[in-house]
């Protein structure tokens, strides 16, 4: 038996594991390549009550955690993908070392391989939540049209305490919005207000007029 939890409502149910057929395409990072490939993954059938809160047309939930039965882990074991995947919700999921070509107006011919231009950060492991993807974050800043403001945070406010299994910053596809502790949100909100105020102040600087336009 397998304990199934719906991540949106956190309701649980028990179910037996079974094999599900799935279809996917190979990709060059920009488009799907024919033909579709069939493969099987392990999963469990959830009762209807766990599916009622899902969006219309959705018939199930795929786990993307570090656990052995998650979809990335199963595909990595079957295909040797090395546990790498890229998500662009709600458009696609790419598994393996494929490039990820997305729109980039500044780059000819209008797209770029984001795996080569984005910054990377190492993942941390929380013993109390080994399935989660934790990242090291040192601070929070707000930038608004060139006006920058740093959030004043308590010392080690964002650190993960691996001994206690508390704190830290975790990535989640089941949480639609960022969630902060009240003390962190208050500091972020103040930095946001500061950035907006600075931008508004500089945007209202006196300007001298010229017959052919406006000069700063």
Protein backbone atom coordinates (compact mmCIF):
# COMPACT_ATOMS: atom_id res chain seq x y z
CA UNK A 1 0.00 0.00 0.00
CA UNK A 2 1.10 3.55 -0.72
CA UNK A 3 0.04 6.72 1.13
CA UNK A 4 -1.06 9.33 -1.40
CA UNK A 5 -1.29 13.04 -0.52
CA UNK A 6 -2.91 15.72 -2.65
CA UNK A 7 -0.42 18.63 -2.41
CA UNK A 8 -3.03 21.32 -2.89
CA UNK A 9 -5.31 20.29 -0.01
CA UNK A 10 -2.81 18.06 1.88
CA UNK A 11 -5.50 15.37 2.18
CA UNK A 12 -4.25 11.79 2.29
CA UNK A 13 -5.45 8.38 1.20
CA UNK A 14 -3.98 4.90 0.86
CA UNK A 15 -3.76 3.13 -2.49
CA UNK A 16 -1.93 0.29 -4.18
CA UNK A 17 0.88 0.94 -6.62
CA UNK A 18 0.24 0.15 -10.25
CA UNK A 19 1.87 0.79 -13.64
CA UNK A 20 0.66 3.66 -15.83
CA UNK A 21 1.47 4.11 -19.56
CA UNK A 22 2.62 7.58 -20.58
CA UNK A 23 3.57 9.28 -23.84
CA UNK A 24 6.24 11.92 -24.43
CA UNK A 25 8.26 13.43 -27.26
CA UNK A 26 11.96 13.93 -27.59
CA UNK A 27 13.00 17.56 -27.98
CA UNK A 28 15.81 19.69 -29.33
CA UNK A 29 15.04 22.27 -26.66
CA UNK A 30 12.84 24.34 -28.96
CA UNK A 31 10.19 21.96 -30.32
CA UNK A 32 8.84 18.47 -29.93
CA UNK A 33 10.39 15.83 -32.18
CA UNK A 34 8.35 12.91 -33.55
CA UNK A 35 7.53 10.20 -32.90
CA UNK A 36 5.97 10.00 -29.43
CA UNK A 37 7.64 7.48 -27.15
CA UNK A 38 5.70 5.23 -24.80
CA UNK A 39 6.98 4.37 -21.32
CA UNK A 40 5.56 3.14 -18.04
CA UNK A 41 5.77 4.68 -14.57
CA UNK A 42 4.57 3.58 -11.15
CA UNK A 43 1.71 5.44 -9.53
CA UNK A 44 -1.46 5.03 -7.51
CA UNK A 45 -5.14 5.63 -8.21
CA UNK A 46 -6.50 8.35 -5.95
CA UNK A 47 -10.14 8.53 -4.82
CA UNK A 48 -12.34 11.17 -6.43
CA UNK A 49 -12.39 13.33 -3.29
CA UNK A 50 -8.67 14.04 -3.71
CA UNK A 51 -9.19 15.24 -7.28
CA UNK A 52 -12.11 17.63 -6.76
CA UNK A 53 -9.92 20.65 -5.97
CA UNK A 54 -7.77 20.24 -9.10
CA UNK A 55 -8.35 22.48 -12.16
CA UNK A 56 -10.85 21.35 -14.78
CA UNK A 57 -9.45 18.70 -17.08
CA UNK A 58 -6.69 17.61 -14.68
CA UNK A 59 -6.89 13.91 -13.89
CA UNK A 60 -3.93 13.46 -11.55
CA UNK A 61 -0.80 14.79 -9.89
CA UNK A 62 2.82 14.02 -10.82
CA UNK A 63 5.34 14.34 -8.00
CA UNK A 64 8.64 16.09 -8.80
CA UNK A 65 10.39 15.57 -5.47
CA UNK A 66 13.68 13.80 -4.81
CA UNK A 67 11.87 10.63 -3.72
CA UNK A 68 12.42 7.40 -5.72
CA UNK A 69 8.82 7.27 -6.97
CA UNK A 70 8.69 10.84 -8.26
CA UNK A 71 8.39 11.23 -12.04
CA UNK A 72 11.91 12.70 -12.52
CA UNK A 73 13.45 9.93 -10.37
CA UNK A 74 11.69 7.17 -12.30
CA UNK A 75 12.68 8.62 -15.67
CA UNK A 76 16.25 9.12 -14.49
CA UNK A 77 16.39 5.45 -13.46
CA UNK A 78 14.86 4.28 -16.75
CA UNK A 79 16.67 6.59 -19.17
CA UNK A 80 19.81 7.67 -17.31
CA UNK A 81 18.79 11.34 -17.26
CA UNK A 82 20.84 12.03 -14.15
CA UNK A 83 17.95 13.57 -12.21
CA UNK A 84 17.85 16.80 -14.24
CA UNK A 85 14.62 18.43 -15.33
CA UNK A 86 13.34 21.86 -16.37
CA UNK A 87 9.85 23.22 -15.71
CA UNK A 88 8.15 26.08 -17.52
CA UNK A 89 4.67 25.99 -16.01
CA UNK A 90 2.14 25.43 -17.44
CA UNK A 91 3.80 24.87 -20.83
CA UNK A 92 6.29 22.01 -20.59
CA UNK A 93 8.57 19.79 -18.56
CA UNK A 94 11.91 18.68 -20.03
CA UNK A 95 13.94 15.83 -18.54
CA UNK A 96 17.67 15.25 -19.03
CA UNK A 97 20.46 17.41 -20.43
CA UNK A 98 18.41 18.96 -23.22
CA UNK A 99 18.79 22.68 -23.98
CA UNK A 100 15.83 24.86 -23.02
CA UNK A 101 15.25 27.44 -25.76
CA UNK A 102 12.84 30.19 -24.69
CA UNK A 103 11.93 33.60 -26.01
CA UNK A 104 14.74 36.16 -25.61
CA UNK A 105 14.02 39.38 -27.54
CA UNK A 106 17.56 40.68 -26.96
CA UNK A 107 19.10 37.65 -28.66
CA UNK A 108 19.01 36.91 -32.41
CA UNK A 109 17.07 35.02 -33.71
CA UNK A 110 14.81 35.81 -30.78
CA UNK A 111 15.40 32.87 -28.43
CA UNK A 112 18.21 31.57 -26.24
CA UNK A 113 19.22 28.39 -24.41
CA UNK A 114 18.45 29.35 -20.82
CA UNK A 115 20.56 26.49 -19.44
CA UNK A 116 23.64 28.43 -20.58
CA UNK A 117 22.71 31.96 -19.46
CA UNK A 118 20.86 31.67 -16.14
CA UNK A 119 22.67 31.69 -12.81
CA UNK A 120 22.85 28.50 -10.79
CA UNK A 121 22.84 27.86 -7.07
CA UNK A 122 23.51 24.59 -5.24
CA UNK A 123 20.61 22.69 -3.67
CA UNK A 124 20.56 22.00 0.05
CA UNK A 125 19.19 18.93 1.83
CA UNK A 126 16.90 19.18 4.83
CA UNK A 127 16.93 15.91 6.81
CA UNK A 128 13.42 16.66 8.05
CA UNK A 129 12.14 17.03 4.47
CA UNK A 130 14.46 15.05 2.22
CA UNK A 131 12.01 15.35 -0.69
CA UNK A 132 12.22 19.15 -0.82
CA UNK A 133 14.41 21.43 -2.94
CA UNK A 134 16.06 23.93 -0.60
CA UNK A 135 18.29 26.75 -1.84
CA UNK A 136 20.75 29.01 0.01
CA UNK A 137 19.47 32.59 0.13
CA UNK A 138 21.47 35.34 1.85
CA UNK A 139 19.20 38.34 1.40
CA UNK A 140 16.22 39.96 -0.29
CA UNK A 141 16.34 43.05 -2.49
CA UNK A 142 13.74 44.90 -4.54
CA UNK A 143 14.48 46.58 -7.86
CA UNK A 144 11.94 48.86 -9.54
CA UNK A 145 12.95 50.64 -12.75
CA UNK A 146 16.52 51.12 -11.51
CA UNK A 147 15.58 52.04 -7.93
CA UNK A 148 17.00 49.40 -5.57
CA UNK A 149 16.30 48.69 -1.90
CA UNK A 150 17.67 45.99 0.39
CA UNK A 151 15.41 44.31 2.96
CA UNK A 152 16.87 44.60 6.46
CA UNK A 153 16.63 41.04 7.81
CA UNK A 154 17.57 39.53 11.18
CA UNK A 155 20.90 37.68 11.21
CA UNK A 156 20.69 34.20 9.60
CA UNK A 157 16.96 34.76 8.99
CA UNK A 158 16.97 32.68 5.79
CA UNK A 159 19.42 29.97 6.90
CA UNK A 160 18.43 26.30 6.98
CA UNK A 161 19.02 24.67 10.37
CA UNK A 162 19.86 21.13 9.27
CA UNK A 163 20.13 19.87 12.86
CA UNK A 164 16.59 20.94 13.73
CA UNK A 165 15.21 20.62 10.18
CA UNK A 166 13.70 24.11 10.32
CA UNK A 167 14.04 27.37 8.42
CA UNK A 168 15.53 27.80 4.99
CA UNK A 169 14.04 28.61 1.59
CA UNK A 170 12.27 25.81 -0.29
CA UNK A 171 10.98 25.73 -3.87
CA UNK A 172 7.47 24.37 -4.33
CA UNK A 173 5.20 23.88 -7.35
CA UNK A 174 2.27 23.12 -5.01
CA UNK A 175 2.30 26.62 -3.47
CA UNK A 176 1.04 29.23 -5.97
CA UNK A 177 2.55 32.24 -4.17
CA UNK A 178 5.67 32.93 -2.13
CA UNK A 179 5.05 32.50 1.60
CA UNK A 180 7.19 34.35 4.16
CA UNK A 181 7.32 34.50 7.92
CA UNK A 182 5.73 37.73 9.23
CA UNK A 183 9.10 39.26 10.19
CA UNK A 184 10.54 38.59 6.72
CA UNK A 185 7.43 39.86 4.95
CA UNK A 186 7.48 43.08 6.95
CA UNK A 187 11.11 43.69 5.93
CA UNK A 188 10.33 42.86 2.29
CA UNK A 189 7.28 45.15 2.28
CA UNK A 190 9.36 48.04 3.63
CA UNK A 191 12.04 47.48 0.96
CA UNK A 192 9.30 47.38 -1.69
CA UNK A 193 7.88 50.68 -0.45
CA UNK A 194 11.38 52.21 -0.40
CA UNK A 195 12.07 51.18 -4.01
CA UNK A 196 8.72 52.52 -5.23
CA UNK A 197 9.22 55.78 -3.33
CA UNK A 198 12.73 56.29 -4.73
CA UNK A 199 11.53 55.65 -8.27
CA UNK A 200 8.61 58.06 -7.83
CA UNK A 201 10.97 60.72 -6.39
CA UNK A 202 13.48 60.49 -9.25
CA UNK A 203 10.71 60.30 -11.84
CA UNK A 204 9.39 63.67 -10.62
CA UNK A 205 12.70 65.50 -10.98
CA UNK A 206 12.30 68.99 -12.52
CA UNK A 207 12.88 68.99 -16.26
CA UNK A 208 13.78 71.87 -18.54
CA UNK A 209 11.92 72.06 -21.82
CA UNK A 210 13.45 72.21 -25.27
CA UNK A 211 11.65 73.12 -28.44
CA UNK A 212 12.27 69.64 -29.87
CA UNK A 213 11.49 67.63 -26.73
CA UNK A 214 12.11 67.32 -23.01
CA UNK A 215 15.58 67.12 -21.57
CA UNK A 216 16.46 65.83 -18.09
